[in-house]
Amino acid sequence: MKRFMAPLRRDRRREATVRFETLPGHQAQVDWSGGLGTLEVDGVKKRVWCFSMILGYSRYQCIEFSLSQNLVAFLGCHARAFEYFQGVPAEVLYDNLKTAVLARVGA
């Protein structure tokens, strides 16, 4: 089996992951994470979401749990993250989340 698999293993090439570097204070990345379960509020089960903002240079992270992904919750999470970081990055990147993306170009 080892001899049979050896040629296949040699052909399998791993691509290197290049870490994306930024200057201090330049960039943060934001995304929602779901699948964290549900919480019952006033007899209604609500899905629990996690807002995450990560600074590009230090990888310092701020997370907040929320029962909504609406714009009010989204902006509130941003304000609290900026307060937590004691500053606002020059640029914030969003990973295709519905709260920030209205339409996709070329998709």
PDB file of N, CA and C in Angstrom:
ATOM      1  N   MET A   1       0.813  -1.164   0.000  1.00  0.00           N
ATOM      2  CA  MET A   1       0.000   0.000   0.000  1.00  0.00           C
ATOM      3  C   MET A   1       0.877   1.256   0.000  1.00  0.00           C
ATOM      4  N   LYS A   2       1.971   1.231   0.772  1.00  0.00           N
ATOM      5  CA  LYS A   2       2.855   2.396   0.806  1.00  0.00           C
ATOM      6  C   LYS A   2       3.431   2.697  -0.573  1.00  0.00           C
ATOM      7  N   ARG A   3       3.884   1.657  -1.260  1.00  0.00           N
ATOM      8  CA  ARG A   3       4.445   1.852  -2.609  1.00  0.00           C
ATOM      9  C   ARG A   3       3.388   2.356  -3.583  1.00  0.00           C
ATOM     10  N   PHE A   4       2.184   1.862  -3.454  1.00  0.00           N
ATOM     11  CA  PHE A   4       1.100   2.288  -4.328  1.00  0.00           C
ATOM     12  C   PHE A   4       0.755   3.764  -4.096  1.00  0.00           C
ATOM     13  N   MET A   5       0.768   4.191  -2.847  1.00  0.00           N
ATOM     14  CA  MET A   5       0.375   5.551  -2.499  1.00  0.00           C
ATOM     15  C   MET A   5       1.496   6.572  -2.678  1.00  0.00           C
ATOM     16  N   ALA A   6       2.744   6.128  -2.668  1.00  0.00           N
ATOM     17  CA  ALA A   6       3.883   7.050  -2.733  1.00  0.00           C
ATOM     18  C   ALA A   6       3.817   8.022  -3.910  1.00  0.00           C
ATOM     19  N   PRO A   7       3.555   7.584  -5.148  1.00  0.00           N
ATOM     20  CA  PRO A   7       3.493   8.542  -6.247  1.00  0.00           C
ATOM     21  C   PRO A   7       2.370   9.565  -6.072  1.00  0.00           C
ATOM     22  N   LEU A   8       1.299   9.164  -5.485  1.00  0.00           N
ATOM     23  CA  LEU A   8       0.180  10.081  -5.263  1.00  0.00           C
ATOM     24  C   LEU A   8       0.520  11.137  -4.221  1.00  0.00           C
ATOM     25  N   ARG A   9       1.248  10.729  -3.210  1.00  0.00           N
ATOM     26  CA  ARG A   9       1.644  11.675  -2.167  1.00  0.00           C
ATOM     27  C   ARG A   9       2.600  12.724  -2.702  1.00  0.00           C
ATOM     28  N   ARG A  10       3.524  12.330  -3.538  1.00  0.00           N
ATOM     29  CA  ARG A  10       4.502  13.278  -4.078  1.00  0.00           C
ATOM     30  C   ARG A  10       3.838  14.330  -4.951  1.00  0.00           C
ATOM     31  N   ASP A  11       2.779  13.966  -5.637  1.00  0.00           N
ATOM     32  CA  ASP A  11       2.101  14.913  -6.522  1.00  0.00           C
ATOM     33  C   ASP A  11       1.235  15.916  -5.760  1.00  0.00           C
ATOM     34  N   ARG A  12       0.893  15.556  -4.569  1.00  0.00           N
ATOM     35  CA  ARG A  12       0.054  16.457  -3.777  1.00  0.00           C
ATOM     36  C   ARG A  12       0.922  17.594  -3.248  1.00  0.00           C
ATOM     37  N   ARG A  13       0.648  18.778  -3.709  1.00  0.00           N
ATOM     38  CA  ARG A  13       1.427  19.946  -3.285  1.00  0.00           C
ATOM     39  C   ARG A  13       0.569  20.818  -2.373  1.00  0.00           C
ATOM     40  N   ARG A  14       1.175  21.267  -1.312  1.00  0.00           N
ATOM     41  CA  ARG A  14       0.470  22.152  -0.393  1.00  0.00           C
ATOM     42  C   ARG A  14       0.791  23.588  -0.764  1.00  0.00           C
ATOM     43  N   GLU A  15      -0.253  24.393  -0.864  1.00  0.00           N
ATOM     44  CA  GLU A  15      -0.045  25.806  -1.138  1.00  0.00           C
ATOM     45  C   GLU A  15       0.257  26.531   0.163  1.00  0.00           C
ATOM     46  N   ALA A  16       1.244  27.401   0.110  1.00  0.00           N
ATOM     47  CA  ALA A  16       1.597  28.180   1.290  1.00  0.00           C
ATOM     48  C   ALA A  16       0.550  29.258   1.524  1.00  0.00           C
ATOM     49  N   THR A  17       0.239  29.490   2.780  1.00  0.00           N
ATOM     50  CA  THR A  17      -0.681  30.565   3.129  1.00  0.00           C
ATOM     51  C   THR A  17       0.143  31.790   3.445  1.00  0.00           C
ATOM     52  N   VAL A  18      -0.101  32.863   2.713  1.00  0.00           N
ATOM     53  CA  VAL A  18       0.616  34.102   2.945  1.00  0.00           C
ATOM     54  C   VAL A  18      -0.204  34.951   3.902  1.00  0.00           C
ATOM     55  N   ARG A  19       0.383  35.301   5.008  1.00  0.00           N
ATOM     56  CA  ARG A  19      -0.304  36.111   6.008  1.00  0.00           C
ATOM     57  C   ARG A  19      -0.405  37.538   5.511  1.00  0.00           C
ATOM     58  N   PHE A  20      -1.595  38.092   5.614  1.00  0.00           N
ATOM     59  CA  PHE A  20      -1.855  39.459   5.162  1.00  0.00           C
ATOM     60  C   PHE A  20      -1.477  40.423   6.276  1.00  0.00           C
ATOM     61  N   GLU A  21      -0.485  41.245   6.052  1.00  0.00           N
ATOM     62  CA  GLU A  21       0.006  42.164   7.079  1.00  0.00           C
ATOM     63  C   GLU A  21      -0.455  43.594   6.811  1.00  0.00           C
ATOM     64  N   THR A  22      -0.752  44.313   7.877  1.00  0.00           N
ATOM     65  CA  THR A  22      -1.119  45.725   7.772  1.00  0.00           C
ATOM     66  C   THR A  22      -0.319  46.520   8.795  1.00  0.00           C
ATOM     67  N   LEU A  23      -0.318  47.817   8.640  1.00  0.00           N
ATOM     68  CA  LEU A  23       0.338  48.691   9.610  1.00  0.00           C
ATOM     69  C   LEU A  23      -0.560  48.852  10.837  1.00  0.00           C
ATOM     70  N   PRO A  24       0.014  49.203  11.978  1.00  0.00           N
ATOM     71  CA  PRO A  24      -0.804  49.425  13.173  1.00  0.00           C
ATOM     72  C   PRO A  24      -1.863  50.498  12.926  1.00  0.00           C
ATOM     73  N   GLY A  25      -3.085  50.221  13.355  1.00  0.00           N
ATOM     74  CA  GLY A  25      -4.176  51.185  13.218  1.00  0.00           C
ATOM     75  C   GLY A  25      -4.783  51.282  11.838  1.00  0.00           C
ATOM     76  N   HIS A  26      -4.271  50.507  10.892  1.00  0.00           N
ATOM     77  CA  HIS A  26      -4.762  50.639   9.522  1.00  0.00           C
ATOM     78  C   HIS A  26      -6.064  49.884   9.274  1.00  0.00           C
ATOM     79  N   GLN A  27      -6.178  48.656   9.762  1.00  0.00           N
ATOM     80  CA  GLN A  27      -7.305  47.843   9.335  1.00  0.00           C
ATOM     81  C   GLN A  27      -7.862  46.935  10.432  1.00  0.00           C
ATOM     82  N   ALA A  28      -9.182  46.742  10.350  1.00  0.00           N
ATOM     83  CA  ALA A  28      -9.860  45.747  11.181  1.00  0.00           C
ATOM     84  C   ALA A  28     -10.730  44.905  10.258  1.00  0.00           C
ATOM     85  N   GLN A  29     -11.002  43.685  10.667  1.00  0.00           N
ATOM     86  CA  GLN A  29     -11.879  42.801   9.903  1.00  0.00           C
ATOM     87  C   GLN A  29     -13.067  42.428  10.781  1.00  0.00           C
ATOM     88  N   VAL A  30     -14.267  42.450  10.173  1.00  0.00           N
ATOM     89  CA  VAL A  30     -15.501  42.216  10.913  1.00  0.00           C
ATOM     90  C   VAL A  30     -16.295  41.091  10.270  1.00  0.00           C
ATOM     91  N   ASP A  31     -16.903  40.267  11.124  1.00  0.00           N
ATOM     92  CA  ASP A  31     -17.799  39.216  10.625  1.00  0.00           C
ATOM     93  C   ASP A  31     -18.730  38.786  11.739  1.00  0.00           C
ATOM     94  N   TRP A  32     -19.862  38.201  11.355  1.00  0.00           N
ATOM     95  CA  TRP A  32     -20.786  37.554  12.274  1.00  0.00           C
ATOM     96  C   TRP A  32     -20.522  36.051  12.227  1.00  0.00           C
ATOM     97  N   SER A  33     -20.649  35.391  13.364  1.00  0.00           N
ATOM     98  CA  SER A  33     -20.607  33.933  13.426  1.00  0.00           C
ATOM     99  C   SER A  33     -21.938  33.472  13.997  1.00  0.00           C
ATOM    100  N   GLY A  34     -22.450  32.389  13.454  1.00  0.00           N
ATOM    101  CA  GLY A  34     -23.723  31.861  13.939  1.00  0.00           C
ATOM    102  C   GLY A  34     -23.555  30.448  14.445  1.00  0.00           C
ATOM    103  N   GLY A  35     -24.659  29.799  14.616  1.00  0.00           N
ATOM    104  CA  GLY A  35     -24.619  28.416  15.063  1.00  0.00           C
ATOM    105  C   GLY A  35     -24.204  28.263  16.507  1.00  0.00           C
ATOM    106  N   LEU A  36     -24.440  29.302  17.312  1.00  0.00           N
ATOM    107  CA  LEU A  36     -24.026  29.268  18.705  1.00  0.00           C
ATOM    108  C   LEU A  36     -25.164  28.830  19.619  1.00  0.00           C
ATOM    109  N   GLY A  37     -26.224  28.361  19.021  1.00  0.00           N
ATOM    110  CA  GLY A  37     -27.357  27.902  19.808  1.00  0.00           C
ATOM    111  C   GLY A  37     -28.461  28.937  19.859  1.00  0.00           C
ATOM    112  N   THR A  38     -29.411  28.702  20.748  1.00  0.00           N
ATOM    113  CA  THR A  38     -30.541  29.615  20.900  1.00  0.00           C
ATOM    114  C   THR A  38     -30.691  29.993  22.363  1.00  0.00           C
ATOM    115  N   LEU A  39     -31.405  31.088  22.564  1.00  0.00           N
ATOM    116  CA  LEU A  39     -31.701  31.584  23.897  1.00  0.00           C
ATOM    117  C   LEU A  39     -33.176  31.949  23.924  1.00  0.00           C
ATOM    118  N   GLU A  40     -33.866  31.570  24.972  1.00  0.00           N
ATOM    119  CA  GLU A  40     -35.288  31.884  25.056  1.00  0.00           C
ATOM    120  C   GLU A  40     -35.476  33.249  25.716  1.00  0.00           C
ATOM    121  N   VAL A  41     -36.153  34.151  24.996  1.00  0.00           N
ATOM    122  CA  VAL A  41     -36.428  35.495  25.496  1.00  0.00           C
ATOM    123  C   VAL A  41     -37.927  35.724  25.406  1.00  0.00           C
ATOM    124  N   ASP A  42     -38.581  35.955  26.538  1.00  0.00           N
ATOM    125  CA  ASP A  42     -40.036  36.158  26.590  1.00  0.00           C
ATOM    126  C   ASP A  42     -40.790  35.037  25.882  1.00  0.00           C
ATOM    127  N   GLY A  43     -40.354  33.806  26.086  1.00  0.00           N
ATOM    128  CA  GLY A  43     -41.030  32.648  25.512  1.00  0.00           C
ATOM    129  C   GLY A  43     -40.721  32.387  24.047  1.00  0.00           C
ATOM    130  N   VAL A  44     -39.845  33.193  23.453  1.00  0.00           N
ATOM    131  CA  VAL A  44     -39.487  33.033  22.037  1.00  0.00           C
ATOM    132  C   VAL A  44     -38.022  32.629  21.949  1.00  0.00           C
ATOM    133  N   LYS A  45     -37.750  31.541  21.194  1.00  0.00           N
ATOM    134  CA  LYS A  45     -36.363  31.126  20.992  1.00  0.00           C
ATOM    135  C   LYS A  45     -35.708  32.034  19.961  1.00  0.00           C
ATOM    136  N   LYS A  46     -34.555  32.575  20.320  1.00  0.00           N
ATOM    137  CA  LYS A  46     -33.802  33.449  19.411  1.00  0.00           C
ATOM    138  C   LYS A  46     -32.416  32.874  19.208  1.00  0.00           C
ATOM    139  N   ARG A  47     -31.938  32.996  17.989  1.00  0.00           N
ATOM    140  CA  ARG A  47     -30.608  32.499  17.646  1.00  0.00           C
ATOM    141  C   ARG A  47     -29.545  33.440  18.213  1.00  0.00           C
ATOM    142  N   VAL A  48     -28.457  32.883  18.700  1.00  0.00           N
ATOM    143  CA  VAL A  48     -27.361  33.676  19.259  1.00  0.00           C
ATOM    144  C   VAL A  48     -26.278  33.857  18.191  1.00  0.00           C
ATOM    145  N   TRP A  49     -25.880  35.115  17.983  1.00  0.00           N
ATOM    146  CA  TRP A  49     -24.849  35.472  17.003  1.00  0.00           C
ATOM    147  C   TRP A  49     -23.636  36.020  17.733  1.00  0.00           C
ATOM    148  N   CYS A  50     -22.491  35.935  17.083  1.00  0.00           N
ATOM    149  CA  CYS A  50     -21.261  36.497  17.644  1.00  0.00           C
ATOM    150  C   CYS A  50     -20.673  37.493  16.649  1.00  0.00           C
ATOM    151  N   PHE A  51     -20.578  38.746  17.075  1.00  0.00           N
ATOM    152  CA  PHE A  51     -19.924  39.798  16.297  1.00  0.00           C
ATOM    153  C   PHE A  51     -18.443  39.746  16.644  1.00  0.00           C
ATOM    154  N   SER A  52     -17.591  39.782  15.642  1.00  0.00           N
ATOM    155  CA  SER A  52     -16.152  39.719  15.860  1.00  0.00           C
ATOM    156  C   SER A  52     -15.451  40.808  15.064  1.00  0.00           C
ATOM    157  N   MET A  53     -14.603  41.580  15.740  1.00  0.00           N
ATOM    158  CA  MET A  53     -13.748  42.566  15.066  1.00  0.00           C
ATOM    159  C   MET A  53     -12.311  42.253  15.469  1.00  0.00           C
ATOM    160  N   ILE A  54     -11.466  42.048  14.465  1.00  0.00           N
ATOM    161  CA  ILE A  54     -10.061  41.696  14.697  1.00  0.00           C
ATOM    162  C   ILE A  54      -9.172  42.756  14.046  1.00  0.00           C
ATOM    163  N   LEU A  55      -8.232  43.283  14.813  1.00  0.00           N
ATOM    164  CA  LEU A  55      -7.287  44.260  14.269  1.00  0.00           C
ATOM    165  C   LEU A  55      -6.240  43.541  13.432  1.00  0.00           C
ATOM    166  N   GLY A  56      -5.981  44.068  12.243  1.00  0.00           N
ATOM    167  CA  GLY A  56      -5.087  43.417  11.295  1.00  0.00           C
ATOM    168  C   GLY A  56      -3.650  43.298  11.762  1.00  0.00           C
ATOM    169  N   TYR A  57      -3.128  44.307  12.428  1.00  0.00           N
ATOM    170  CA  TYR A  57      -1.716  44.291  12.803  1.00  0.00           C
ATOM    171  C   TYR A  57      -1.463  43.401  14.021  1.00  0.00           C
ATOM    172  N   SER A  58      -2.206  43.623  15.096  1.00  0.00           N
ATOM    173  CA  SER A  58      -1.945  42.919  16.356  1.00  0.00           C
ATOM    174  C   SER A  58      -2.747  41.637  16.513  1.00  0.00           C
ATOM    175  N   ARG A  59      -3.782  41.462  15.688  1.00  0.00           N
ATOM    176  CA  ARG A  59      -4.725  40.349  15.797  1.00  0.00           C
ATOM    177  C   ARG A  59      -5.505  40.414  17.116  1.00  0.00           C
ATOM    178  N   TYR A  60      -5.504  41.591  17.737  1.00  0.00           N
ATOM    179  CA  TYR A  60      -6.285  41.819  18.945  1.00  0.00           C
ATOM    180  C   TYR A  60      -7.753  41.714  18.551  1.00  0.00           C
ATOM    181  N   GLN A  61      -8.568  41.059  19.382  1.00  0.00           N
ATOM    182  CA  GLN A  61      -9.944  40.758  18.981  1.00  0.00           C
ATOM    183  C   GLN A  61     -10.946  41.235  20.023  1.00  0.00           C
ATOM    184  N   CYS A  62     -12.080  41.721  19.516  1.00  0.00           N
ATOM    185  CA  CYS A  62     -13.209  42.070  20.363  1.00  0.00           C
ATOM    186  C   CYS A  62     -14.402  41.264  19.860  1.00  0.00           C
ATOM    187  N   ILE A  63     -15.079  40.552  20.766  1.00  0.00           N
ATOM    188  CA  ILE A  63     -16.268  39.814  20.366  1.00  0.00           C
ATOM    189  C   ILE A  63     -17.436  40.235  21.254  1.00  0.00           C
ATOM    190  N   GLU A  64     -18.632  40.154  20.682  1.00  0.00           N
ATOM    191  CA  GLU A  64     -19.849  40.470  21.424  1.00  0.00           C
ATOM    192  C   GLU A  64     -20.951  39.541  20.945  1.00  0.00           C
ATOM    193  N   PHE A  65     -21.711  39.012  21.871  1.00  0.00           N
ATOM    194  CA  PHE A  65     -22.822  38.136  21.521  1.00  0.00           C
ATOM    195  C   PHE A  65     -24.089  38.968  21.385  1.00  0.00           C
ATOM    196  N   SER A  66     -24.911  38.594  20.403  1.00  0.00           N
ATOM    197  CA  SER A  66     -26.107  39.371  20.088  1.00  0.00           C
ATOM    198  C   SER A  66     -27.246  38.440  19.687  1.00  0.00           C
ATOM    199  N   LEU A  67     -28.461  38.903  19.901  1.00  0.00           N
ATOM    200  CA  LEU A  67     -29.641  38.149  19.478  1.00  0.00           C
ATOM    201  C   LEU A  67     -30.166  38.659  18.140  1.00  0.00           C
ATOM    202  N   SER A  68     -29.463  39.623  17.552  1.00  0.00           N
ATOM    203  CA  SER A  68     -29.892  40.188  16.277  1.00  0.00           C
ATOM    204  C   SER A  68     -28.686  40.578  15.436  1.00  0.00           C
ATOM    205  N   GLN A  69     -28.853  40.498  14.122  1.00  0.00           N
ATOM    206  CA  GLN A  69     -27.833  40.972  13.182  1.00  0.00           C
ATOM    207  C   GLN A  69     -28.319  42.231  12.476  1.00  0.00           C
ATOM    208  N   ASN A  70     -29.354  42.879  12.998  1.00  0.00           N
ATOM    209  CA  ASN A  70     -29.876  44.057  12.313  1.00  0.00           C
ATOM    210  C   ASN A  70     -28.884  45.216  12.394  1.00  0.00           C
ATOM    211  N   LEU A  71     -29.179  46.287  11.676  1.00  0.00           N
ATOM    212  CA  LEU A  71     -28.248  47.405  11.561  1.00  0.00           C
ATOM    213  C   LEU A  71     -27.995  48.083  12.905  1.00  0.00           C
ATOM    214  N   VAL A  72     -29.020  48.201  13.731  1.00  0.00           N
ATOM    215  CA  VAL A  72     -28.853  48.827  15.047  1.00  0.00           C
ATOM    216  C   VAL A  72     -27.863  48.024  15.889  1.00  0.00           C
ATOM    217  N   ALA A  73     -28.033  46.709  15.928  1.00  0.00           N
ATOM    218  CA  ALA A  73     -27.113  45.847  16.681  1.00  0.00           C
ATOM    219  C   ALA A  73     -25.708  45.915  16.081  1.00  0.00           C
ATOM    220  N   PHE A  74     -25.630  45.893  14.765  1.00  0.00           N
ATOM    221  CA  PHE A  74     -24.353  45.927  14.043  1.00  0.00           C
ATOM    222  C   PHE A  74     -23.563  47.192  14.364  1.00  0.00           C
ATOM    223  N   LEU A  75     -24.221  48.335  14.285  1.00  0.00           N
ATOM    224  CA  LEU A  75     -23.547  49.604  14.569  1.00  0.00           C
ATOM    225  C   LEU A  75     -23.188  49.728  16.050  1.00  0.00           C
ATOM    226  N   GLY A  76     -24.063  49.224  16.917  1.00  0.00           N
ATOM    227  CA  GLY A  76     -23.759  49.232  18.347  1.00  0.00           C
ATOM    228  C   GLY A  76     -22.537  48.391  18.666  1.00  0.00           C
ATOM    229  N   CYS A  77     -22.430  47.237  18.025  1.00  0.00           N
ATOM    230  CA  CYS A  77     -21.253  46.373  18.213  1.00  0.00           C
ATOM    231  C   CYS A  77     -19.985  47.088  17.757  1.00  0.00           C
ATOM    232  N   HIS A  78     -20.075  47.809  16.648  1.00  0.00           N
ATOM    233  CA  HIS A  78     -18.914  48.573  16.170  1.00  0.00           C
ATOM    234  C   HIS A  78     -18.504  49.619  17.209  1.00  0.00           C
ATOM    235  N   ALA A  79     -19.474  50.389  17.692  1.00  0.00           N
ATOM    236  CA  ALA A  79     -19.172  51.465  18.646  1.00  0.00           C
ATOM    237  C   ALA A  79     -18.503  50.901  19.899  1.00  0.00           C
ATOM    238  N   ARG A  80     -19.027  49.792  20.410  1.00  0.00           N
ATOM    239  CA  ARG A  80     -18.437  49.187  21.610  1.00  0.00           C
ATOM    240  C   ARG A  80     -17.049  48.597  21.334  1.00  0.00           C
ATOM    241  N   ALA A  81     -16.842  48.051  20.135  1.00  0.00           N
ATOM    242  CA  ALA A  81     -15.514  47.535  19.775  1.00  0.00           C
ATOM    243  C   ALA A  81     -14.501  48.681  19.682  1.00  0.00           C
ATOM    244  N   PHE A  82     -14.899  49.801  19.067  1.00  0.00           N
ATOM    245  CA  PHE A  82     -13.993  50.954  18.969  1.00  0.00           C
ATOM    246  C   PHE A  82     -13.650  51.484  20.360  1.00  0.00           C
ATOM    247  N   GLU A  83     -14.636  51.484  21.244  1.00  0.00           N
ATOM    248  CA  GLU A  83     -14.389  51.910  22.619  1.00  0.00           C
ATOM    249  C   GLU A  83     -13.426  50.932  23.303  1.00  0.00           C
ATOM    250  N   TYR A  84     -13.642  49.656  23.096  1.00  0.00           N
ATOM    251  CA  TYR A  84     -12.775  48.623  23.669  1.00  0.00           C
ATOM    252  C   TYR A  84     -11.336  48.783  23.180  1.00  0.00           C
ATOM    253  N   PHE A  85     -11.156  49.042  21.879  1.00  0.00           N
ATOM    254  CA  PHE A  85      -9.822  49.213  21.304  1.00  0.00           C
ATOM    255  C   PHE A  85      -9.241  50.601  21.587  1.00  0.00           C
ATOM    256  N   GLN A  86     -10.084  51.501  22.072  1.00  0.00           N
ATOM    257  CA  GLN A  86      -9.699  52.895  22.332  1.00  0.00           C
ATOM    258  C   GLN A  86      -9.231  53.595  21.068  1.00  0.00           C
ATOM    259  N   GLY A  87      -9.937  53.339  19.972  1.00  0.00           N
ATOM    260  CA  GLY A  87      -9.616  53.978  18.706  1.00  0.00           C
ATOM    261  C   GLY A  87     -10.375  53.332  17.564  1.00  0.00           C
ATOM    262  N   VAL A  88     -10.271  53.978  16.410  1.00  0.00           N
ATOM    263  CA  VAL A  88     -10.962  53.515  15.206  1.00  0.00           C
ATOM    264  C   VAL A  88      -9.919  53.285  14.112  1.00  0.00           C
ATOM    265  N   PRO A  89      -9.892  52.093  13.506  1.00  0.00           N
ATOM    266  CA  PRO A  89      -8.932  51.859  12.422  1.00  0.00           C
ATOM    267  C   PRO A  89      -9.291  52.691  11.192  1.00  0.00           C
ATOM    268  N   ALA A  90      -8.328  52.918  10.343  1.00  0.00           N
ATOM    269  CA  ALA A  90      -8.557  53.692   9.120  1.00  0.00           C
ATOM    270  C   ALA A  90      -9.489  52.962   8.162  1.00  0.00           C
ATOM    271  N   GLU A  91      -9.513  51.641   8.218  1.00  0.00           N
ATOM    272  CA  GLU A  91     -10.279  50.838   7.265  1.00  0.00           C
ATOM    273  C   GLU A  91     -10.876  49.628   7.990  1.00  0.00           C
ATOM    274  N   VAL A  92     -12.115  49.299   7.632  1.00  0.00           N
ATOM    275  CA  VAL A  92     -12.763  48.106   8.177  1.00  0.00           C
ATOM    276  C   VAL A  92     -13.193  47.231   7.007  1.00  0.00           C
ATOM    277  N   LEU A  93     -12.747  45.969   7.003  1.00  0.00           N
ATOM    278  CA  LEU A  93     -13.112  45.021   5.952  1.00  0.00           C
ATOM    279  C   LEU A  93     -14.250  44.133   6.431  1.00  0.00           C
ATOM    280  N   TYR A  94     -15.208  43.867   5.530  1.00  0.00           N
ATOM    281  CA  TYR A  94     -16.339  43.010   5.852  1.00  0.00           C
ATOM    282  C   TYR A  94     -16.302  41.784   4.949  1.00  0.00           C
ATOM    283  N   ASP A  95     -16.526  40.621   5.545  1.00  0.00           N
ATOM    284  CA  ASP A  95     -16.446  39.365   4.817  1.00  0.00           C
ATOM    285  C   ASP A  95     -17.817  38.939   4.293  1.00  0.00           C
ATOM    286  N   ASN A  96     -18.390  39.720   3.387  1.00  0.00           N
ATOM    287  CA  ASN A  96     -19.603  39.349   2.671  1.00  0.00           C
ATOM    288  C   ASN A  96     -20.825  39.134   3.582  1.00  0.00           C
ATOM    289  N   LEU A  97     -20.869  39.815   4.728  1.00  0.00           N
ATOM    290  CA  LEU A  97     -21.990  39.632   5.628  1.00  0.00           C
ATOM    291  C   LEU A  97     -23.206  40.439   5.181  1.00  0.00           C
ATOM    292  N   LYS A  98     -24.382  39.887   5.395  1.00  0.00           N
ATOM    293  CA  LYS A  98     -25.620  40.482   4.899  1.00  0.00           C
ATOM    294  C   LYS A  98     -25.875  41.883   5.448  1.00  0.00           C
ATOM    295  N   THR A  99     -25.426  42.173   6.653  1.00  0.00           N
ATOM    296  CA  THR A  99     -25.655  43.482   7.254  1.00  0.00           C
ATOM    297  C   THR A  99     -24.902  44.589   6.506  1.00  0.00           C
ATOM    298  N   ALA A 100     -23.795  44.247   5.849  1.00  0.00           N
ATOM    299  CA  ALA A 100     -22.981  45.249   5.181  1.00  0.00           C
ATOM    300  C   ALA A 100     -23.024  45.185   3.660  1.00  0.00           C
ATOM    301  N   VAL A 101     -23.409  44.054   3.081  1.00  0.00           N
ATOM    302  CA  VAL A 101     -23.372  43.880   1.621  1.00  0.00           C
ATOM    303  C   VAL A 101     -24.788  43.897   1.063  1.00  0.00           C
ATOM    304  N   LEU A 102     -25.056  44.853   0.179  1.00  0.00           N
ATOM    305  CA  LEU A 102     -26.377  44.931  -0.445  1.00  0.00           C
ATOM    306  C   LEU A 102     -26.479  44.040  -1.680  1.00  0.00           C
ATOM    307  N   ALA A 103     -25.399  43.990  -2.459  1.00  0.00           N
ATOM    308  CA  ALA A 103     -25.389  43.174  -3.679  1.00  0.00           C
ATOM    309  C   ALA A 103     -23.944  42.818  -4.012  1.00  0.00           C
ATOM    310  N   ARG A 104     -23.792  41.738  -4.777  1.00  0.00           N
ATOM    311  CA  ARG A 104     -22.465  41.315  -5.211  1.00  0.00           C
ATOM    312  C   ARG A 104     -22.293  41.661  -6.681  1.00  0.00           C
ATOM    313  N   VAL A 105     -21.136  42.137  -7.023  1.00  0.00           N
ATOM    314  CA  VAL A 105     -20.825  42.465  -8.406  1.00  0.00           C
ATOM    315  C   VAL A 105     -20.176  41.245  -9.042  1.00  0.00           C
ATOM    316  N   GLY A 106     -20.715  40.796 -10.169  1.00  0.00           N
ATOM    317  CA  GLY A 106     -20.133  39.676 -10.897  1.00  0.00           C
ATOM    318  C   GLY A 106     -20.392  38.315 -10.291  1.00  0.00           C
ATOM    319  N   ALA A 107     -21.365  38.219  -9.413  1.00  0.00           N
ATOM    320  CA  ALA A 107     -21.635  36.911  -8.799  1.00  0.00           C
ATOM    321  C   ALA A 107     -22.932  36.326  -9.323  1.00  0.00           C
TER     322      ALA A 107
END
